[in-house]
């Protein structure tokens, strides 16, 4: 066994409600994200063991928020 890249680090910044944030840190209405496209809340390191629960929890939150969104 040897170390390997297992995540794309960086990506879209989101808040705890999975809303994608603009450059000034404000949520972009109707835009939600989860999984490897996200970054910011995890810092510069992410453990592989956290990947599955992370995407499942944030994916569920993002889906619920998107379902409630009305423009």
PDB file of N, CA and C in Angstrom:
ATOM      1  N   UNK A   1       0.839  -1.160   0.000  1.00  0.00           N
ATOM      2  CA  UNK A   1       0.000   0.000   0.000  1.00  0.00           C
ATOM      3  C   UNK A   1       0.889   1.229   0.000  1.00  0.00           C
ATOM      4  N   UNK A   2       0.400   2.271  -0.672  1.00  0.00           N
ATOM      5  CA  UNK A   2       1.123   3.536  -0.690  1.00  0.00           C
ATOM      6  C   UNK A   2       0.128   4.685  -0.788  1.00  0.00           C
ATOM      7  N   UNK A   3       0.532   5.873  -0.363  1.00  0.00           N
ATOM      8  CA  UNK A   3      -0.386   7.025  -0.439  1.00  0.00           C
ATOM      9  C   UNK A   3      -0.776   7.318  -1.881  1.00  0.00           C
ATOM     10  N   UNK A   4      -1.988   7.787  -2.071  1.00  0.00           N
ATOM     11  CA  UNK A   4      -2.477   8.151  -3.406  1.00  0.00           C
ATOM     12  C   UNK A   4      -3.488   9.281  -3.274  1.00  0.00           C
ATOM     13  N   UNK A   5      -3.672  10.018  -4.343  1.00  0.00           N
ATOM     14  CA  UNK A   5      -4.680  11.078  -4.350  1.00  0.00           C
ATOM     15  C   UNK A   5      -6.059  10.438  -4.384  1.00  0.00           C
ATOM     16  N   UNK A   6      -6.939  10.869  -3.527  1.00  0.00           N
ATOM     17  CA  UNK A   6      -8.272  10.277  -3.487  1.00  0.00           C
ATOM     18  C   UNK A   6      -9.377  11.319  -3.518  1.00  0.00           C
ATOM     19  N   UNK A   7      -9.013  12.572  -3.561  1.00  0.00           N
ATOM     20  CA  UNK A   7     -10.008  13.650  -3.601  1.00  0.00           C
ATOM     21  C   UNK A   7      -9.488  14.786  -4.447  1.00  0.00           C
ATOM     22  N   UNK A   8     -10.389  15.516  -5.026  1.00  0.00           N
ATOM     23  CA  UNK A   8     -10.046  16.771  -5.653  1.00  0.00           C
ATOM     24  C   UNK A   8     -10.120  17.819  -4.561  1.00  0.00           C
ATOM     25  N   UNK A   9      -9.006  18.429  -4.246  1.00  0.00           N
ATOM     26  CA  UNK A   9      -8.998  19.437  -3.192  1.00  0.00           C
ATOM     27  C   UNK A   9      -9.388  20.786  -3.786  1.00  0.00           C
ATOM     28  N   UNK A  10     -10.058  21.584  -2.988  1.00  0.00           N
ATOM     29  CA  UNK A  10     -10.502  22.886  -3.468  1.00  0.00           C
ATOM     30  C   UNK A  10     -11.918  22.795  -3.963  1.00  0.00           C
ATOM     31  N   UNK A  11     -12.262  23.595  -4.938  1.00  0.00           N
ATOM     32  CA  UNK A  11     -13.598  23.534  -5.509  1.00  0.00           C
ATOM     33  C   UNK A  11     -14.482  24.660  -5.045  1.00  0.00           C
ATOM     34  N   UNK A  12     -15.782  24.478  -5.231  1.00  0.00           N
ATOM     35  CA  UNK A  12     -16.763  25.493  -4.873  1.00  0.00           C
ATOM     36  C   UNK A  12     -16.864  25.634  -3.360  1.00  0.00           C
ATOM     37  N   UNK A  13     -16.911  26.867  -2.887  1.00  0.00           N
ATOM     38  CA  UNK A  13     -17.113  27.075  -1.456  1.00  0.00           C
ATOM     39  C   UNK A  13     -18.598  26.994  -1.163  1.00  0.00           C
ATOM     40  N   UNK A  14     -18.945  26.243  -0.109  1.00  0.00           N
ATOM     41  CA  UNK A  14     -20.339  26.131   0.310  1.00  0.00           C
ATOM     42  C   UNK A  14     -20.441  26.465   1.788  1.00  0.00           C
ATOM     43  N   UNK A  15     -21.671  26.745   2.217  1.00  0.00           N
ATOM     44  CA  UNK A  15     -21.918  26.946   3.650  1.00  0.00           C
ATOM     45  C   UNK A  15     -22.536  25.667   4.218  1.00  0.00           C
ATOM     46  N   UNK A  16     -22.900  25.695   5.489  1.00  0.00           N
ATOM     47  CA  UNK A  16     -23.461  24.503   6.145  1.00  0.00           C
ATOM     48  C   UNK A  16     -24.797  24.084   5.556  1.00  0.00           C
ATOM     49  N   UNK A  17     -25.453  24.974   4.796  1.00  0.00           N
ATOM     50  CA  UNK A  17     -26.717  24.651   4.134  1.00  0.00           C
ATOM     51  C   UNK A  17     -26.506  24.196   2.697  1.00  0.00           C
ATOM     52  N   UNK A  18     -25.277  23.920   2.311  1.00  0.00           N
ATOM     53  CA  UNK A  18     -24.848  23.454   0.989  1.00  0.00           C
ATOM     54  C   UNK A  18     -25.035  24.486  -0.116  1.00  0.00           C
ATOM     55  N   UNK A  19     -25.283  25.740   0.239  1.00  0.00           N
ATOM     56  CA  UNK A  19     -25.410  26.797  -0.763  1.00  0.00           C
ATOM     57  C   UNK A  19     -24.012  27.163  -1.268  1.00  0.00           C
ATOM     58  N   UNK A  20     -23.863  27.305  -2.579  1.00  0.00           N
ATOM     59  CA  UNK A  20     -22.594  27.735  -3.148  1.00  0.00           C
ATOM     60  C   UNK A  20     -22.440  29.228  -2.884  1.00  0.00           C
ATOM     61  N   UNK A  21     -21.229  29.620  -2.464  1.00  0.00           N
ATOM     62  CA  UNK A  21     -20.962  31.008  -2.119  1.00  0.00           C
ATOM     63  C   UNK A  21     -20.226  31.719  -3.247  1.00  0.00           C
ATOM     64  N   UNK A  22     -20.553  33.006  -3.444  1.00  0.00           N
ATOM     65  CA  UNK A  22     -19.840  33.799  -4.446  1.00  0.00           C
ATOM     66  C   UNK A  22     -18.519  34.299  -3.860  1.00  0.00           C
ATOM     67  N   UNK A  23     -17.790  35.122  -4.627  1.00  0.00           N
ATOM     68  CA  UNK A  23     -16.474  35.600  -4.187  1.00  0.00           C
ATOM     69  C   UNK A  23     -16.535  36.423  -2.909  1.00  0.00           C
ATOM     70  N   UNK A  24     -17.681  37.045  -2.647  1.00  0.00           N
ATOM     71  CA  UNK A  24     -17.807  37.853  -1.429  1.00  0.00           C
ATOM     72  C   UNK A  24     -18.361  37.044  -0.258  1.00  0.00           C
ATOM     73  N   UNK A  25     -18.590  35.748  -0.466  1.00  0.00           N
ATOM     74  CA  UNK A  25     -19.069  34.877   0.601  1.00  0.00           C
ATOM     75  C   UNK A  25     -20.576  34.838   0.767  1.00  0.00           C
ATOM     76  N   UNK A  26     -21.299  35.406  -0.185  1.00  0.00           N
ATOM     77  CA  UNK A  26     -22.766  35.395  -0.126  1.00  0.00           C
ATOM     78  C   UNK A  26     -23.309  34.205  -0.924  1.00  0.00           C
ATOM     79  N   UNK A  27     -24.383  33.578  -0.427  1.00  0.00           N
ATOM     80  CA  UNK A  27     -24.972  32.438  -1.157  1.00  0.00           C
ATOM     81  C   UNK A  27     -25.520  32.859  -2.524  1.00  0.00           C
ATOM     82  N   UNK A  28     -25.303  32.006  -3.518  1.00  0.00           N
ATOM     83  CA  UNK A  28     -25.863  32.212  -4.853  1.00  0.00           C
ATOM     84  C   UNK A  28     -27.236  31.540  -4.858  1.00  0.00           C
ATOM     85  N   UNK A  29     -28.320  32.303  -5.044  1.00  0.00           N
ATOM     86  CA  UNK A  29     -29.670  31.728  -4.978  1.00  0.00           C
ATOM     87  C   UNK A  29     -29.861  30.552  -5.941  1.00  0.00           C
ATOM     88  N   UNK A  30     -30.344  29.439  -5.398  1.00  0.00           N
ATOM     89  CA  UNK A  30     -30.671  28.272  -6.209  1.00  0.00           C
ATOM     90  C   UNK A  30     -29.504  27.382  -6.580  1.00  0.00           C
ATOM     91  N   UNK A  31     -28.284  27.695  -6.117  1.00  0.00           N
ATOM     92  CA  UNK A  31     -27.129  26.881  -6.471  1.00  0.00           C
ATOM     93  C   UNK A  31     -26.613  26.146  -5.235  1.00  0.00           C
ATOM     94  N   UNK A  32     -26.679  24.821  -5.271  1.00  0.00           N
ATOM     95  CA  UNK A  32     -26.282  23.957  -4.159  1.00  0.00           C
ATOM     96  C   UNK A  32     -25.245  22.961  -4.665  1.00  0.00           C
ATOM     97  N   UNK A  33     -24.376  22.503  -3.772  1.00  0.00           N
ATOM     98  CA  UNK A  33     -23.340  21.560  -4.190  1.00  0.00           C
ATOM     99  C   UNK A  33     -22.985  20.621  -3.047  1.00  0.00           C
ATOM    100  N   UNK A  34     -22.492  19.440  -3.419  1.00  0.00           N
ATOM    101  CA  UNK A  34     -22.032  18.446  -2.442  1.00  0.00           C
ATOM    102  C   UNK A  34     -20.983  17.570  -3.113  1.00  0.00           C
ATOM    103  N   UNK A  35     -20.196  16.891  -2.302  1.00  0.00           N
ATOM    104  CA  UNK A  35     -19.206  15.959  -2.830  1.00  0.00           C
ATOM    105  C   UNK A  35     -17.910  16.633  -3.237  1.00  0.00           C
ATOM    106  N   UNK A  36     -17.204  16.026  -4.194  1.00  0.00           N
ATOM    107  CA  UNK A  36     -15.866  16.467  -4.537  1.00  0.00           C
ATOM    108  C   UNK A  36     -15.797  17.799  -5.256  1.00  0.00           C
ATOM    109  N   UNK A  37     -16.903  18.349  -5.709  1.00  0.00           N
ATOM    110  CA  UNK A  37     -16.858  19.674  -6.335  1.00  0.00           C
ATOM    111  C   UNK A  37     -16.787  20.775  -5.288  1.00  0.00           C
ATOM    112  N   UNK A  38     -16.943  20.407  -4.013  1.00  0.00           N
ATOM    113  CA  UNK A  38     -16.960  21.407  -2.954  1.00  0.00           C
ATOM    114  C   UNK A  38     -15.624  21.515  -2.250  1.00  0.00           C
ATOM    115  N   UNK A  39     -15.406  22.641  -1.644  1.00  0.00           N
ATOM    116  CA  UNK A  39     -14.199  22.889  -0.870  1.00  0.00           C
ATOM    117  C   UNK A  39     -14.483  23.998   0.118  1.00  0.00           C
ATOM    118  N   UNK A  40     -13.466  24.438   0.785  1.00  0.00           N
ATOM    119  CA  UNK A  40     -13.622  25.559   1.704  1.00  0.00           C
ATOM    120  C   UNK A  40     -13.889  25.140   3.127  1.00  0.00           C
ATOM    121  N   UNK A  41     -14.890  24.297   3.367  1.00  0.00           N
ATOM    122  CA  UNK A  41     -15.208  23.927   4.743  1.00  0.00           C
ATOM    123  C   UNK A  41     -14.302  22.823   5.256  1.00  0.00           C
ATOM    124  N   UNK A  42     -13.548  22.175   4.357  1.00  0.00           N
ATOM    125  CA  UNK A  42     -12.694  21.056   4.761  1.00  0.00           C
ATOM    126  C   UNK A  42     -11.247  21.466   4.962  1.00  0.00           C
ATOM    127  N   UNK A  43     -10.891  22.692   4.637  1.00  0.00           N
ATOM    128  CA  UNK A  43      -9.505  23.100   4.773  1.00  0.00           C
ATOM    129  C   UNK A  43      -8.636  22.501   3.691  1.00  0.00           C
ATOM    130  N   UNK A  44      -7.359  22.303   3.990  1.00  0.00           N
ATOM    131  CA  UNK A  44      -6.418  21.812   2.987  1.00  0.00           C
ATOM    132  C   UNK A  44      -6.232  20.310   2.986  1.00  0.00           C
ATOM    133  N   UNK A  45      -6.951  19.591   3.827  1.00  0.00           N
ATOM    134  CA  UNK A  45      -6.782  18.149   3.895  1.00  0.00           C
ATOM    135  C   UNK A  45      -8.142  17.500   4.107  1.00  0.00           C
ATOM    136  N   UNK A  46      -8.301  16.332   3.542  1.00  0.00           N
ATOM    137  CA  UNK A  46      -9.563  15.609   3.665  1.00  0.00           C
ATOM    138  C   UNK A  46      -9.249  14.137   3.754  1.00  0.00           C
ATOM    139  N   UNK A  47      -9.776  13.466   4.743  1.00  0.00           N
ATOM    140  CA  UNK A  47      -9.485  12.044   4.929  1.00  0.00           C
ATOM    141  C   UNK A  47     -10.419  11.188   4.084  1.00  0.00           C
ATOM    142  N   UNK A  48      -9.870  10.166   3.460  1.00  0.00           N
ATOM    143  CA  UNK A  48     -10.656   9.284   2.606  1.00  0.00           C
ATOM    144  C   UNK A  48     -11.813   8.620   3.322  1.00  0.00           C
ATOM    145  N   UNK A  49     -11.641   8.314   4.586  1.00  0.00           N
ATOM    146  CA  UNK A  49     -12.707   7.653   5.345  1.00  0.00           C
ATOM    147  C   UNK A  49     -13.919   8.548   5.514  1.00  0.00           C
ATOM    148  N   UNK A  50     -13.748   9.834   5.345  1.00  0.00           N
ATOM    149  CA  UNK A  50     -14.856  10.775   5.504  1.00  0.00           C
ATOM    150  C   UNK A  50     -15.639  10.992   4.217  1.00  0.00           C
ATOM    151  N   UNK A  51     -15.124  10.531   3.093  1.00  0.00           N
ATOM    152  CA  UNK A  51     -15.717  10.849   1.800  1.00  0.00           C
ATOM    153  C   UNK A  51     -17.153  10.358   1.658  1.00  0.00           C
ATOM    154  N   UNK A  52     -17.415   9.107   1.999  1.00  0.00           N
ATOM    155  CA  UNK A  52     -18.755   8.553   1.788  1.00  0.00           C
ATOM    156  C   UNK A  52     -19.784   9.204   2.706  1.00  0.00           C
ATOM    157  N   UNK A  53     -19.545   9.294   4.023  1.00  0.00           N
ATOM    158  CA  UNK A  53     -20.542   9.972   4.854  1.00  0.00           C
ATOM    159  C   UNK A  53     -20.690  11.452   4.495  1.00  0.00           C
ATOM    160  N   UNK A  54     -19.600  12.075   4.063  1.00  0.00           N
ATOM    161  CA  UNK A  54     -19.653  13.482   3.673  1.00  0.00           C
ATOM    162  C   UNK A  54     -20.583  13.688   2.485  1.00  0.00           C
ATOM    163  N   UNK A  55     -20.377  12.934   1.426  1.00  0.00           N
ATOM    164  CA  UNK A  55     -21.200  13.125   0.232  1.00  0.00           C
ATOM    165  C   UNK A  55     -22.651  12.701   0.478  1.00  0.00           C
ATOM    166  N   UNK A  56     -22.865  11.682   1.291  1.00  0.00           N
ATOM    167  CA  UNK A  56     -24.237  11.265   1.579  1.00  0.00           C
ATOM    168  C   UNK A  56     -24.982  12.320   2.390  1.00  0.00           C
ATOM    169  N   UNK A  57     -24.332  12.850   3.419  1.00  0.00           N
ATOM    170  CA  UNK A  57     -24.996  13.856   4.246  1.00  0.00           C
ATOM    171  C   UNK A  57     -25.193  15.175   3.506  1.00  0.00           C
ATOM    172  N   UNK A  58     -24.119  15.680   2.885  1.00  0.00           N
ATOM    173  CA  UNK A  58     -24.256  16.943   2.167  1.00  0.00           C
ATOM    174  C   UNK A  58     -25.105  16.781   0.910  1.00  0.00           C
ATOM    175  N   UNK A  59     -25.045  15.625   0.273  1.00  0.00           N
ATOM    176  CA  UNK A  59     -25.907  15.382  -0.888  1.00  0.00           C
ATOM    177  C   UNK A  59     -27.377  15.407  -0.509  1.00  0.00           C
ATOM    178  N   UNK A  60     -27.691  14.822   0.626  1.00  0.00           N
ATOM    179  CA  UNK A  60     -29.082  14.826   1.122  1.00  0.00           C
ATOM    180  C   UNK A  60     -29.523  16.250   1.443  1.00  0.00           C
ATOM    181  N   UNK A  61     -28.663  17.001   2.142  1.00  0.00           N
ATOM    182  CA  UNK A  61     -28.988  18.395   2.467  1.00  0.00           C
ATOM    183  C   UNK A  61     -29.169  19.236   1.202  1.00  0.00           C
ATOM    184  N   UNK A  62     -28.269  19.058   0.237  1.00  0.00           N
ATOM    185  CA  UNK A  62     -28.367  19.820  -1.010  1.00  0.00           C
ATOM    186  C   UNK A  62     -29.651  19.481  -1.762  1.00  0.00           C
ATOM    187  N   UNK A  63     -30.007  18.204  -1.805  1.00  0.00           N
ATOM    188  CA  UNK A  63     -31.239  17.791  -2.482  1.00  0.00           C
ATOM    189  C   UNK A  63     -32.479  18.366  -1.817  1.00  0.00           C
ATOM    190  N   UNK A  64     -32.504  18.344  -0.493  1.00  0.00           N
ATOM    191  CA  UNK A  64     -33.648  18.909   0.231  1.00  0.00           C
ATOM    192  C   UNK A  64     -33.755  20.412   0.003  1.00  0.00           C
ATOM    193  N   UNK A  65     -32.621  21.106   0.045  1.00  0.00           N
ATOM    194  CA  UNK A  65     -32.642  22.552  -0.154  1.00  0.00           C
ATOM    195  C   UNK A  65     -33.055  22.908  -1.572  1.00  0.00           C
ATOM    196  N   UNK A  66     -32.546  22.187  -2.554  1.00  0.00           N
ATOM    197  CA  UNK A  66     -32.900  22.449  -3.943  1.00  0.00           C
ATOM    198  C   UNK A  66     -34.387  22.184  -4.195  1.00  0.00           C
ATOM    199  N   UNK A  67     -34.942  21.168  -3.542  1.00  0.00           N
ATOM    200  CA  UNK A  67     -36.357  20.841  -3.715  1.00  0.00           C
ATOM    201  C   UNK A  67     -37.264  21.943  -3.157  1.00  0.00           C
ATOM    202  N   UNK A  68     -36.786  22.666  -2.156  1.00  0.00           N
ATOM    203  CA  UNK A  68     -37.581  23.737  -1.546  1.00  0.00           C
ATOM    204  C   UNK A  68     -37.405  25.073  -2.254  1.00  0.00           C
ATOM    205  N   UNK A  69     -36.373  25.187  -3.089  1.00  0.00           N
ATOM    206  CA  UNK A  69     -36.060  26.480  -3.707  1.00  0.00           C
ATOM    207  C   UNK A  69     -37.120  26.879  -4.725  1.00  0.00           C
ATOM    208  N   UNK A  70     -37.557  28.112  -4.622  1.00  0.00           N
ATOM    209  CA  UNK A  70     -38.452  28.701  -5.635  1.00  0.00           C
ATOM    210  C   UNK A  70     -37.875  30.053  -6.023  1.00  0.00           C
ATOM    211  N   UNK A  71     -37.619  30.241  -7.321  1.00  0.00           N
ATOM    212  CA  UNK A  71     -37.007  31.502  -7.786  1.00  0.00           C
ATOM    213  C   UNK A  71     -37.920  32.703  -7.602  1.00  0.00           C
TER     214      UNK A  71
END
